[in-house]
Amino acid sequence: MKLPAALCIVASAAVLCSSGYGETVEVKETILRFYEYEFNNTSDDAVNKPNADDRLEFAPGIVSQKCLQCICNVESQCKPIGCRMDVGSLSCGYFQIKLGYWTDCGKPGPDWKTCANNMQCASKCVQNYMVRYARHYGCPATCEGYAREHNGGPRGCKNPNTIPYWKRVQKQGC
């Protein structure tokens, strides 16, 4: 079930969203700017179907939609590609999320592999991961900082080995 578009605004440490039906919902994430997005059915049934409505919509958060698109393009050409072996462990889905990353992002969705192959769940995981680690380790709040952290872990923005990954993200238009 799709609800009408909503406008979310930052209010102190919370984000308030108007549902379009006169209801106000408090979102428990820190979001640094206004986001306009559509509420989607987020039941486990929706999470179990990769991109149920076949549109690429990323979860709102501190990483811009454009930056998420660039990272997604590099990781999977923005397709639910399943799992692949990468540096000794499996990486899955749109953002090639590893089990440890999924754990660190708060374990959204019914399970790791299902979440990684669902655009909303996977992008929420990326957003949560950045909220958890970006400021803690002094990474800049830029697409470069987020991309390098996504690639190299919590201290990835400080690791020179993540610079080639950032160059690939830049080539996507970020």
Protein backbone atom coordinates (compact mmCIF):
# COMPACT_ATOMS: atom_id res chain seq x y z
CA MET A 1 0.00 0.00 0.00
CA LYS A 2 1.42 3.36 -1.01
CA LEU A 3 0.65 6.43 1.06
CA PRO A 4 0.84 10.02 -0.25
CA ALA A 5 4.08 11.94 -0.34
CA ALA A 6 5.29 13.34 2.95
CA LEU A 7 7.53 16.18 4.00
CA CYS A 8 10.02 15.61 6.79
CA ILE A 9 11.60 18.46 8.72
CA VAL A 10 14.33 18.53 11.29
CA ALA A 11 13.13 19.49 14.77
CA SER A 12 15.86 19.41 17.43
CA ALA A 13 17.35 15.89 17.43
CA ALA A 14 14.28 14.33 15.83
CA VAL A 15 12.69 14.43 12.42
CA LEU A 16 8.97 14.99 12.16
CA CYS A 17 7.12 13.68 9.13
CA SER A 18 3.62 14.60 8.07
CA SER A 19 1.95 11.60 6.46
CA GLY A 20 -0.42 13.57 4.26
CA TYR A 21 -3.35 12.29 6.32
CA GLY A 22 -2.91 14.91 9.04
CA GLU A 23 -0.77 12.62 11.19
CA THR A 24 2.72 13.51 12.40
CA VAL A 25 5.25 10.73 12.89
CA GLU A 26 8.59 11.15 14.71
CA VAL A 27 11.47 9.47 12.93
CA LYS A 28 14.30 8.43 15.28
CA GLU A 29 17.18 9.19 12.90
CA THR A 30 19.29 12.30 12.72
CA ILE A 31 18.83 13.79 9.28
CA LEU A 32 20.71 16.91 8.32
CA ARG A 33 18.35 18.38 5.73
CA PHE A 34 14.79 18.27 4.48
CA TYR A 35 13.66 15.16 2.70
CA GLU A 36 10.59 14.68 0.62
CA TYR A 37 9.79 11.05 0.03
CA GLU A 38 6.95 8.62 -0.29
CA PHE A 39 6.02 6.24 2.49
CA ASN A 40 6.17 2.66 1.29
CA ASN A 41 4.82 -0.51 2.81
CA THR A 42 7.71 -1.64 4.98
CA SER A 43 6.27 -4.94 6.14
CA ASP A 44 8.48 -7.99 5.99
CA ASP A 45 6.55 -9.02 2.85
CA ALA A 46 7.76 -5.87 1.08
CA VAL A 47 11.34 -6.37 2.31
CA ASN A 48 11.35 -9.94 0.99
CA LYS A 49 10.73 -8.76 -2.58
CA PRO A 50 13.73 -6.97 -4.10
CA ASN A 51 12.49 -3.55 -5.15
CA ALA A 52 8.84 -4.52 -5.20
CA ASP A 53 7.83 -1.44 -7.22
CA ASP A 54 10.89 -1.58 -9.53
CA ARG A 55 11.95 1.99 -8.72
CA LEU A 56 15.30 2.85 -7.22
CA GLU A 57 14.45 4.87 -4.14
CA PHE A 58 17.02 5.12 -1.39
CA ALA A 59 16.31 5.49 2.31
CA PRO A 60 16.68 9.07 3.57
CA GLY A 61 19.55 9.96 5.86
CA ILE A 62 22.86 11.76 6.06
CA VAL A 63 24.22 10.31 2.79
CA SER A 64 22.74 12.15 -0.19
CA GLN A 65 20.59 10.31 -2.70
CA LYS A 66 23.13 11.12 -5.42
CA CYS A 67 26.01 9.71 -3.38
CA LEU A 68 24.03 6.53 -2.63
CA GLN A 69 23.31 6.18 -6.36
CA CYS A 70 27.02 6.50 -7.20
CA ILE A 71 28.06 3.93 -4.58
CA CYS A 72 25.28 1.60 -5.70
CA ASN A 73 26.42 1.91 -9.33
CA VAL A 74 29.99 0.98 -8.39
CA GLU A 75 28.98 -1.92 -6.15
CA SER A 76 26.36 -3.65 -8.29
CA GLN A 77 25.32 -1.43 -11.21
CA CYS A 78 22.40 -0.85 -8.82
CA LYS A 79 21.02 -4.36 -9.20
CA PRO A 80 20.15 -6.99 -6.58
CA ILE A 81 23.04 -9.23 -7.65
CA GLY A 82 23.00 -11.64 -4.72
CA CYS A 83 26.20 -12.54 -2.90
CA ARG A 84 29.77 -12.73 -4.16
CA MET A 85 33.03 -13.65 -2.47
CA ASP A 86 35.04 -10.50 -1.75
CA VAL A 87 38.25 -10.35 0.29
CA GLY A 88 37.57 -13.66 2.01
CA SER A 89 33.87 -13.19 2.87
CA LEU A 90 30.52 -12.77 1.14
CA SER A 91 29.29 -9.35 0.04
CA CYS A 92 25.62 -9.13 -0.94
CA GLY A 93 23.12 -7.05 -2.85
CA TYR A 94 22.91 -3.51 -4.13
CA PHE A 95 25.69 -2.16 -1.89
CA GLN A 96 27.65 -5.44 -1.51
CA ILE A 97 27.01 -5.51 2.24
CA LYS A 98 28.97 -7.95 4.37
CA LEU A 99 27.49 -9.68 7.42
CA GLY A 100 29.57 -7.55 9.84
CA TYR A 101 28.46 -4.32 8.13
CA TRP A 102 24.81 -5.43 8.38
CA THR A 103 25.31 -6.19 12.08
CA ASP A 104 26.91 -2.77 12.62
CA CYS A 105 24.05 -1.01 10.83
CA GLY A 106 21.51 -2.47 13.27
CA LYS A 107 20.34 -5.59 11.40
CA PRO A 108 17.42 -4.05 9.48
CA GLY A 109 15.02 -6.35 7.65
CA PRO A 110 14.33 -10.02 8.27
CA ASP A 111 17.92 -11.16 7.61
CA TRP A 112 21.20 -10.00 6.08
CA LYS A 113 20.91 -11.39 2.54
CA THR A 114 17.26 -10.41 2.12
CA CYS A 115 18.00 -6.88 3.34
CA ALA A 116 21.04 -6.51 1.08
CA ASN A 117 18.93 -7.38 -1.98
CA ASN A 118 16.14 -4.92 -1.13
CA MET A 119 16.90 -1.31 -2.10
CA GLN A 120 15.11 0.35 0.84
CA CYS A 121 16.55 -2.01 3.43
CA ALA A 122 20.09 -1.96 2.00
CA SER A 123 20.21 1.83 1.70
CA LYS A 124 18.81 2.16 5.24
CA CYS A 125 21.67 -0.07 6.37
CA VAL A 126 24.20 2.22 4.65
CA GLN A 127 22.58 5.30 6.20
CA ASN A 128 22.59 3.71 9.68
CA TYR A 129 26.22 2.64 9.31
CA MET A 130 27.27 6.19 8.43
CA VAL A 131 25.33 7.67 11.36
CA ARG A 132 27.05 5.17 13.66
CA TYR A 133 30.63 5.63 12.45
CA ALA A 134 31.22 8.74 10.31
CA ARG A 135 31.48 11.31 13.09
CA HIS A 136 32.91 8.88 15.61
CA TYR A 137 36.05 8.41 13.55
CA GLY A 138 36.20 11.98 12.21
CA CYS A 139 35.25 11.16 8.63
CA PRO A 140 34.10 14.19 6.63
CA ALA A 141 30.36 14.48 5.97
CA THR A 142 30.93 14.33 2.21
CA CYS A 143 30.31 11.74 -0.46
CA GLU A 144 34.03 11.00 -0.46
CA GLY A 145 34.03 10.39 3.30
CA TYR A 146 30.95 8.15 3.12
CA ALA A 147 32.16 6.21 0.06
CA ARG A 148 35.59 5.56 1.55
CA GLU A 149 34.03 4.50 4.85
CA HIS A 150 31.60 2.20 3.03
CA ASN A 151 34.53 0.58 1.25
CA GLY A 152 37.08 0.48 4.07
CA GLY A 153 35.05 0.21 7.26
CA PRO A 154 34.74 2.64 10.17
CA ARG A 155 38.16 4.21 9.60
CA GLY A 156 38.04 3.88 5.80
CA CYS A 157 38.09 7.60 5.18
CA LYS A 158 41.58 7.70 6.67
CA ASN A 159 42.89 4.64 4.81
CA PRO A 160 44.78 5.54 1.59
CA ASN A 161 43.78 2.14 0.15
CA THR A 162 40.20 3.46 -0.26
CA ILE A 163 41.23 6.31 -2.58
CA PRO A 164 40.97 4.18 -5.77
CA TYR A 165 37.43 3.18 -4.71
CA TRP A 166 36.53 6.85 -4.27
CA LYS A 167 37.89 7.57 -7.77
CA ARG A 168 35.49 4.92 -9.15
CA VAL A 169 32.59 6.54 -7.26
CA GLN A 170 33.60 9.96 -8.61
CA LYS A 171 33.44 8.61 -12.17
CA GLN A 172 29.73 7.91 -11.54
CA GLY A 173 29.14 11.67 -11.25
CA CYS A 174 29.75 12.26 -7.56
